[in-house]
ModelCIF file with pLDDT and N, C-alpha, C, O atoms, coordinates in Angstrom:
data_MODEL
#
_entry.id   MODEL 
#
_entity.id                         1 
_entity.type                       polymer 
_entity.pdbx_number_of_molecules   1 
#
_entity_poly.entity_id                      1 
_entity_poly.type                           'polypeptide(L)' 
_entity_poly.nstd_linkage                   no 
_entity_poly.nstd_monomer                   no 
_entity_poly.pdbx_seq_one_letter_code       CEKCVDGYKGRVAIQEVVEITPQLEEMIAE 
_entity_poly.pdbx_seq_one_letter_code_can   CEKCVDGYKGRVAIQEVVEITPQLEEMIAE 
_entity_poly.pdbx_strand_id                 A 
#
loop_
_entity_poly_seq.entity_id 
_entity_poly_seq.num 
_entity_poly_seq.mon_id 
_entity_poly_seq.hetero 
1 1  CYS n 
1 2  GLU n 
1 3  LYS n 
1 4  CYS n 
1 5  VAL n 
1 6  ASP n 
1 7  GLY n 
1 8  TYR n 
1 9  LYS n 
1 10 GLY n 
1 11 ARG n 
1 12 VAL n 
1 13 ALA n 
1 14 ILE n 
1 15 GLN n 
1 16 GLU n 
1 17 VAL n 
1 18 VAL n 
1 19 GLU n 
1 20 ILE n 
1 21 THR n 
1 22 PRO n 
1 23 GLN n 
1 24 LEU n 
1 25 GLU n 
1 26 GLU n 
1 27 MET n 
1 28 ILE n 
1 29 ALA n 
1 30 GLU n 
#
_struct_asym.id          A 
_struct_asym.entity_id   1 
#
loop_
_ma_qa_metric.id 
_ma_qa_metric.mode 
_ma_qa_metric.name 
_ma_qa_metric.software_group_id 
_ma_qa_metric.type 
1 global pLDDT . pLDDT 
2 local  pLDDT . pLDDT 
#
_ma_qa_metric_global.metric_id      1 
_ma_qa_metric_global.metric_value   91.07 
_ma_qa_metric_global.model_id       1 
_ma_qa_metric_global.ordinal_id     1 
#
loop_
_ma_qa_metric_local.label_asym_id 
_ma_qa_metric_local.label_comp_id 
_ma_qa_metric_local.label_seq_id 
_ma_qa_metric_local.metric_id 
_ma_qa_metric_local.metric_value 
_ma_qa_metric_local.model_id 
_ma_qa_metric_local.ordinal_id 
A CYS 1  2 80.00 1 1  
A GLU 2  2 76.00 1 2  
A LYS 3  2 77.00 1 3  
A CYS 4  2 83.00 1 4  
A VAL 5  2 80.00 1 5  
A ASP 6  2 85.00 1 6  
A GLY 7  2 90.00 1 7  
A TYR 8  2 91.00 1 8  
A LYS 9  2 88.00 1 9  
A GLY 10 2 88.00 1 10 
A ARG 11 2 91.00 1 11 
A VAL 12 2 92.00 1 12 
A ALA 13 2 93.00 1 13 
A ILE 14 2 95.00 1 14 
A GLN 15 2 95.00 1 15 
A GLU 16 2 95.00 1 16 
A VAL 17 2 96.00 1 17 
A VAL 18 2 96.00 1 18 
A GLU 19 2 95.00 1 19 
A ILE 20 2 96.00 1 20 
A THR 21 2 95.00 1 21 
A PRO 22 2 95.00 1 22 
A GLN 23 2 96.00 1 23 
A LEU 24 2 96.00 1 24 
A GLU 25 2 95.00 1 25 
A GLU 26 2 95.00 1 26 
A MET 27 2 96.00 1 27 
A ILE 28 2 95.00 1 28 
A ALA 29 2 94.00 1 29 
A GLU 30 2 93.00 1 30 
#
loop_
_atom_site.group_PDB 
_atom_site.id 
_atom_site.type_symbol 
_atom_site.label_atom_id 
_atom_site.label_alt_id 
_atom_site.label_comp_id 
_atom_site.label_asym_id 
_atom_site.label_entity_id 
_atom_site.label_seq_id 
_atom_site.pdbx_PDB_ins_code 
_atom_site.Cartn_x 
_atom_site.Cartn_y 
_atom_site.Cartn_z 
_atom_site.occupancy 
_atom_site.B_iso_or_equiv 
_atom_site.pdbx_formal_charge 
_atom_site.auth_seq_id 
_atom_site.auth_comp_id 
_atom_site.auth_asym_id 
_atom_site.auth_atom_id 
_atom_site.pdbx_PDB_model_num 
ATOM 1   N N  . CYS A 1 1  ? 0.945   -1.110 -0.099 1.00 80.00 ? 1  CYS A N  1 
ATOM 2   C CA . CYS A 1 1  ? -0.042  -0.162 0.282  1.00 80.00 ? 1  CYS A CA 1 
ATOM 3   C C  . CYS A 1 1  ? 1.016   1.272  -0.044 1.00 80.00 ? 1  CYS A C  1 
ATOM 4   O O  . CYS A 1 1  ? 2.090   1.295  0.558  1.00 80.00 ? 1  CYS A O  1 
ATOM 5   N N  . GLU A 1 2  ? 0.690   2.391  -0.960 1.00 76.00 ? 2  GLU A N  1 
ATOM 6   C CA . GLU A 1 2  ? 1.416   3.338  -1.208 1.00 76.00 ? 2  GLU A CA 1 
ATOM 7   C C  . GLU A 1 2  ? 1.100   4.329  -0.226 1.00 76.00 ? 2  GLU A C  1 
ATOM 8   O O  . GLU A 1 2  ? 1.516   5.477  -0.381 1.00 76.00 ? 2  GLU A O  1 
ATOM 9   N N  . LYS A 1 3  ? -0.012  3.818  1.374  1.00 77.00 ? 3  LYS A N  1 
ATOM 10  C CA . LYS A 1 3  ? -0.428  5.241  2.261  1.00 77.00 ? 3  LYS A CA 1 
ATOM 11  C C  . LYS A 1 3  ? 0.158   4.817  3.144  1.00 77.00 ? 3  LYS A C  1 
ATOM 12  O O  . LYS A 1 3  ? 0.267   5.625  4.066  1.00 77.00 ? 3  LYS A O  1 
ATOM 13  N N  . CYS A 1 4  ? 0.726   3.639  3.344  1.00 83.00 ? 4  CYS A N  1 
ATOM 14  C CA . CYS A 1 4  ? 1.411   3.323  4.510  1.00 83.00 ? 4  CYS A CA 1 
ATOM 15  C C  . CYS A 1 4  ? 2.512   2.773  4.498  1.00 83.00 ? 4  CYS A C  1 
ATOM 16  O O  . CYS A 1 4  ? 3.278   2.672  3.540  1.00 83.00 ? 4  CYS A O  1 
ATOM 17  N N  . VAL A 1 5  ? 2.640   2.403  5.529  1.00 80.00 ? 5  VAL A N  1 
ATOM 18  C CA . VAL A 1 5  ? 3.999   1.350  5.876  1.00 80.00 ? 5  VAL A CA 1 
ATOM 19  C C  . VAL A 1 5  ? 3.686   0.406  7.130  1.00 80.00 ? 5  VAL A C  1 
ATOM 20  O O  . VAL A 1 5  ? 3.497   0.461  8.345  1.00 80.00 ? 5  VAL A O  1 
ATOM 21  N N  . ASP A 1 6  ? 3.753   -0.521 6.032  1.00 85.00 ? 6  ASP A N  1 
ATOM 22  C CA . ASP A 1 6  ? 3.449   -2.234 6.615  1.00 85.00 ? 6  ASP A CA 1 
ATOM 23  C C  . ASP A 1 6  ? 2.254   -1.952 7.070  1.00 85.00 ? 6  ASP A C  1 
ATOM 24  O O  . ASP A 1 6  ? 2.221   -2.452 8.194  1.00 85.00 ? 6  ASP A O  1 
ATOM 25  N N  . GLY A 1 7  ? 1.170   -1.400 6.832  1.00 90.00 ? 7  GLY A N  1 
ATOM 26  C CA . GLY A 1 7  ? -0.375  -1.710 6.872  1.00 90.00 ? 7  GLY A CA 1 
ATOM 27  C C  . GLY A 1 7  ? -0.651  -0.478 8.281  1.00 90.00 ? 7  GLY A C  1 
ATOM 28  O O  . GLY A 1 7  ? -1.707  -0.344 8.898  1.00 90.00 ? 7  GLY A O  1 
ATOM 29  N N  . TYR A 1 8  ? 0.525   0.227  8.486  1.00 91.00 ? 8  TYR A N  1 
ATOM 30  C CA . TYR A 1 8  ? -0.338  1.002  9.839  1.00 91.00 ? 8  TYR A CA 1 
ATOM 31  C C  . TYR A 1 8  ? 0.367   2.578  9.367  1.00 91.00 ? 8  TYR A C  1 
ATOM 32  O O  . TYR A 1 8  ? 1.412   2.836  8.770  1.00 91.00 ? 8  TYR A O  1 
ATOM 33  N N  . LYS A 1 9  ? -0.909  3.619  10.030 1.00 88.00 ? 9  LYS A N  1 
ATOM 34  C CA . LYS A 1 9  ? -0.521  4.800  9.591  1.00 88.00 ? 9  LYS A CA 1 
ATOM 35  C C  . LYS A 1 9  ? -1.163  5.307  10.829 1.00 88.00 ? 9  LYS A C  1 
ATOM 36  O O  . LYS A 1 9  ? -2.350  5.253  11.149 1.00 88.00 ? 9  LYS A O  1 
ATOM 37  N N  . GLY A 1 10 ? 0.053   5.911  11.592 1.00 88.00 ? 10 GLY A N  1 
ATOM 38  C CA . GLY A 1 10 ? -0.515  7.305  12.688 1.00 88.00 ? 10 GLY A CA 1 
ATOM 39  C C  . GLY A 1 10 ? 0.004   6.086  13.648 1.00 88.00 ? 10 GLY A C  1 
ATOM 40  O O  . GLY A 1 10 ? 0.708   5.097  13.442 1.00 88.00 ? 10 GLY A O  1 
ATOM 41  N N  . ARG A 1 11 ? -0.889  6.789  15.162 1.00 91.00 ? 11 ARG A N  1 
ATOM 42  C CA . ARG A 1 11 ? -0.852  6.115  16.490 1.00 91.00 ? 11 ARG A CA 1 
ATOM 43  C C  . ARG A 1 11 ? -1.797  6.364  17.511 1.00 91.00 ? 11 ARG A C  1 
ATOM 44  O O  . ARG A 1 11 ? -1.812  7.478  18.036 1.00 91.00 ? 11 ARG A O  1 
ATOM 45  N N  . VAL A 1 12 ? -2.491  5.590  17.822 1.00 92.00 ? 12 VAL A N  1 
ATOM 46  C CA . VAL A 1 12 ? -3.419  6.252  18.806 1.00 92.00 ? 12 VAL A CA 1 
ATOM 47  C C  . VAL A 1 12 ? -3.271  5.924  20.467 1.00 92.00 ? 12 VAL A C  1 
ATOM 48  O O  . VAL A 1 12 ? -2.910  4.771  20.701 1.00 92.00 ? 12 VAL A O  1 
ATOM 49  N N  . ALA A 1 13 ? -3.448  6.587  21.370 1.00 93.00 ? 13 ALA A N  1 
ATOM 50  C CA . ALA A 1 13 ? -2.806  6.590  22.728 1.00 93.00 ? 13 ALA A CA 1 
ATOM 51  C C  . ALA A 1 13 ? -4.260  5.315  23.407 1.00 93.00 ? 13 ALA A C  1 
ATOM 52  O O  . ALA A 1 13 ? -5.469  5.422  23.206 1.00 93.00 ? 13 ALA A O  1 
ATOM 53  N N  . ILE A 1 14 ? -3.415  4.059  24.320 1.00 95.00 ? 14 ILE A N  1 
ATOM 54  C CA . ILE A 1 14 ? -4.195  3.935  25.224 1.00 95.00 ? 14 ILE A CA 1 
ATOM 55  C C  . ILE A 1 14 ? -3.793  4.164  26.717 1.00 95.00 ? 14 ILE A C  1 
ATOM 56  O O  . ILE A 1 14 ? -2.629  4.098  27.111 1.00 95.00 ? 14 ILE A O  1 
ATOM 57  N N  . GLN A 1 15 ? -4.826  4.428  27.474 1.00 95.00 ? 15 GLN A N  1 
ATOM 58  C CA . GLN A 1 15 ? -4.856  4.916  28.750 1.00 95.00 ? 15 GLN A CA 1 
ATOM 59  C C  . GLN A 1 15 ? -5.826  4.276  29.822 1.00 95.00 ? 15 GLN A C  1 
ATOM 60  O O  . GLN A 1 15 ? -6.932  3.752  29.689 1.00 95.00 ? 15 GLN A O  1 
ATOM 61  N N  . GLU A 1 16 ? -4.941  4.525  31.056 1.00 95.00 ? 16 GLU A N  1 
ATOM 62  C CA . GLU A 1 16 ? -5.132  4.408  32.299 1.00 95.00 ? 16 GLU A CA 1 
ATOM 63  C C  . GLU A 1 16 ? -6.020  5.637  33.028 1.00 95.00 ? 16 GLU A C  1 
ATOM 64  O O  . GLU A 1 16 ? -5.560  6.586  32.393 1.00 95.00 ? 16 GLU A O  1 
ATOM 65  N N  . VAL A 1 17 ? -6.768  6.091  33.736 1.00 96.00 ? 17 VAL A N  1 
ATOM 66  C CA . VAL A 1 17 ? -6.657  7.280  34.497 1.00 96.00 ? 17 VAL A CA 1 
ATOM 67  C C  . VAL A 1 17 ? -7.302  6.663  35.578 1.00 96.00 ? 17 VAL A C  1 
ATOM 68  O O  . VAL A 1 17 ? -8.350  6.019  35.527 1.00 96.00 ? 17 VAL A O  1 
ATOM 69  N N  . VAL A 1 18 ? -6.223  7.033  37.101 1.00 96.00 ? 18 VAL A N  1 
ATOM 70  C CA . VAL A 1 18 ? -7.063  6.666  38.291 1.00 96.00 ? 18 VAL A CA 1 
ATOM 71  C C  . VAL A 1 18 ? -6.764  7.772  38.631 1.00 96.00 ? 18 VAL A C  1 
ATOM 72  O O  . VAL A 1 18 ? -5.689  8.342  38.442 1.00 96.00 ? 18 VAL A O  1 
ATOM 73  N N  . GLU A 1 19 ? -8.085  8.317  39.379 1.00 95.00 ? 19 GLU A N  1 
ATOM 74  C CA . GLU A 1 19 ? -8.571  9.513  40.069 1.00 95.00 ? 19 GLU A CA 1 
ATOM 75  C C  . GLU A 1 19 ? -8.392  9.274  41.442 1.00 95.00 ? 19 GLU A C  1 
ATOM 76  O O  . GLU A 1 19 ? -9.099  8.414  41.968 1.00 95.00 ? 19 GLU A O  1 
ATOM 77  N N  . ILE A 1 20 ? -7.723  9.770  41.984 1.00 96.00 ? 20 ILE A N  1 
ATOM 78  C CA . ILE A 1 20 ? -6.874  9.642  43.823 1.00 96.00 ? 20 ILE A CA 1 
ATOM 79  C C  . ILE A 1 20 ? -8.241  9.764  44.460 1.00 96.00 ? 20 ILE A C  1 
ATOM 80  O O  . ILE A 1 20 ? -8.498  10.957 44.620 1.00 96.00 ? 20 ILE A O  1 
ATOM 81  N N  . THR A 1 21 ? -9.397  8.823  44.965 1.00 95.00 ? 21 THR A N  1 
ATOM 82  C CA . THR A 1 21 ? -10.454 8.947  45.671 1.00 95.00 ? 21 THR A CA 1 
ATOM 83  C C  . THR A 1 21 ? -10.117 9.262  47.245 1.00 95.00 ? 21 THR A C  1 
ATOM 84  O O  . THR A 1 21 ? -8.932  9.185  47.567 1.00 95.00 ? 21 THR A O  1 
ATOM 85  N N  . PRO A 1 22 ? -11.033 9.594  48.194 1.00 95.00 ? 22 PRO A N  1 
ATOM 86  C CA . PRO A 1 22 ? -10.530 9.600  49.655 1.00 95.00 ? 22 PRO A CA 1 
ATOM 87  C C  . PRO A 1 22 ? -10.575 7.990  50.168 1.00 95.00 ? 22 PRO A C  1 
ATOM 88  O O  . PRO A 1 22 ? -10.172 7.788  51.313 1.00 95.00 ? 22 PRO A O  1 
ATOM 89  N N  . GLN A 1 23 ? -10.878 7.246  49.658 1.00 96.00 ? 23 GLN A N  1 
ATOM 90  C CA . GLN A 1 23 ? -10.405 6.039  50.369 1.00 96.00 ? 23 GLN A CA 1 
ATOM 91  C C  . GLN A 1 23 ? -8.946  5.573  49.956 1.00 96.00 ? 23 GLN A C  1 
ATOM 92  O O  . GLN A 1 23 ? -8.168  5.168  50.820 1.00 96.00 ? 23 GLN A O  1 
ATOM 93  N N  . LEU A 1 24 ? -8.491  5.658  48.238 1.00 96.00 ? 24 LEU A N  1 
ATOM 94  C CA . LEU A 1 24 ? -7.330  5.294  48.153 1.00 96.00 ? 24 LEU A CA 1 
ATOM 95  C C  . LEU A 1 24 ? -6.419  6.037  48.741 1.00 96.00 ? 24 LEU A C  1 
ATOM 96  O O  . LEU A 1 24 ? -5.243  5.676  48.788 1.00 96.00 ? 24 LEU A O  1 
ATOM 97  N N  . GLU A 1 25 ? -6.906  7.321  49.333 1.00 95.00 ? 25 GLU A N  1 
ATOM 98  C CA . GLU A 1 25 ? -5.511  8.215  49.653 1.00 95.00 ? 25 GLU A CA 1 
ATOM 99  C C  . GLU A 1 25 ? -5.574  7.969  50.761 1.00 95.00 ? 25 GLU A C  1 
ATOM 100 O O  . GLU A 1 25 ? -4.564  8.421  51.300 1.00 95.00 ? 25 GLU A O  1 
ATOM 101 N N  . GLU A 1 26 ? -6.515  7.256  51.799 1.00 95.00 ? 26 GLU A N  1 
ATOM 102 C CA . GLU A 1 26 ? -6.713  6.754  53.184 1.00 95.00 ? 26 GLU A CA 1 
ATOM 103 C C  . GLU A 1 26 ? -5.878  5.043  52.588 1.00 95.00 ? 26 GLU A C  1 
ATOM 104 O O  . GLU A 1 26 ? -5.708  4.328  53.575 1.00 95.00 ? 26 GLU A O  1 
ATOM 105 N N  . MET A 1 27 ? -5.545  4.579  51.691 1.00 96.00 ? 27 MET A N  1 
ATOM 106 C CA . MET A 1 27 ? -4.747  3.098  51.412 1.00 96.00 ? 27 MET A CA 1 
ATOM 107 C C  . MET A 1 27 ? -3.395  3.782  51.122 1.00 96.00 ? 27 MET A C  1 
ATOM 108 O O  . MET A 1 27 ? -2.416  3.204  51.593 1.00 96.00 ? 27 MET A O  1 
ATOM 109 N N  . ILE A 1 28 ? -3.141  5.091  50.318 1.00 95.00 ? 28 ILE A N  1 
ATOM 110 C CA . ILE A 1 28 ? -2.125  5.425  50.349 1.00 95.00 ? 28 ILE A CA 1 
ATOM 111 C C  . ILE A 1 28 ? -1.151  5.590  51.552 1.00 95.00 ? 28 ILE A C  1 
ATOM 112 O O  . ILE A 1 28 ? 0.021   5.227  51.651 1.00 95.00 ? 28 ILE A O  1 
ATOM 113 N N  . ALA A 1 29 ? -1.989  6.261  52.474 1.00 94.00 ? 29 ALA A N  1 
ATOM 114 C CA . ALA A 1 29 ? -1.547  6.875  53.604 1.00 94.00 ? 29 ALA A CA 1 
ATOM 115 C C  . ALA A 1 29 ? -1.483  5.789  54.737 1.00 94.00 ? 29 ALA A C  1 
ATOM 116 O O  . ALA A 1 29 ? -1.341  6.158  55.902 1.00 94.00 ? 29 ALA A O  1 
ATOM 117 N N  . GLU A 1 30 ? -1.579  4.555  54.444 1.00 93.00 ? 30 GLU A N  1 
ATOM 118 C CA . GLU A 1 30 ? -1.143  3.502  55.378 1.00 93.00 ? 30 GLU A CA 1 
ATOM 119 C C  . GLU A 1 30 ? -0.511  2.229  54.988 1.00 93.00 ? 30 GLU A C  1 
ATOM 120 O O  . GLU A 1 30 ? -0.183  1.414  55.849 1.00 93.00 ? 30 GLU A O  1 
#
C-alpha cells in the first residue's frame, strides 16, 4: 500500500486514568 508503512499509519494512545478517591488516599497513607 502506497499510503502506509507495513499496513499502519499513525498511532493512537491507550490510557488508564486513575483518580485518587478519599478511600484510595487513605490506602496510600496507610
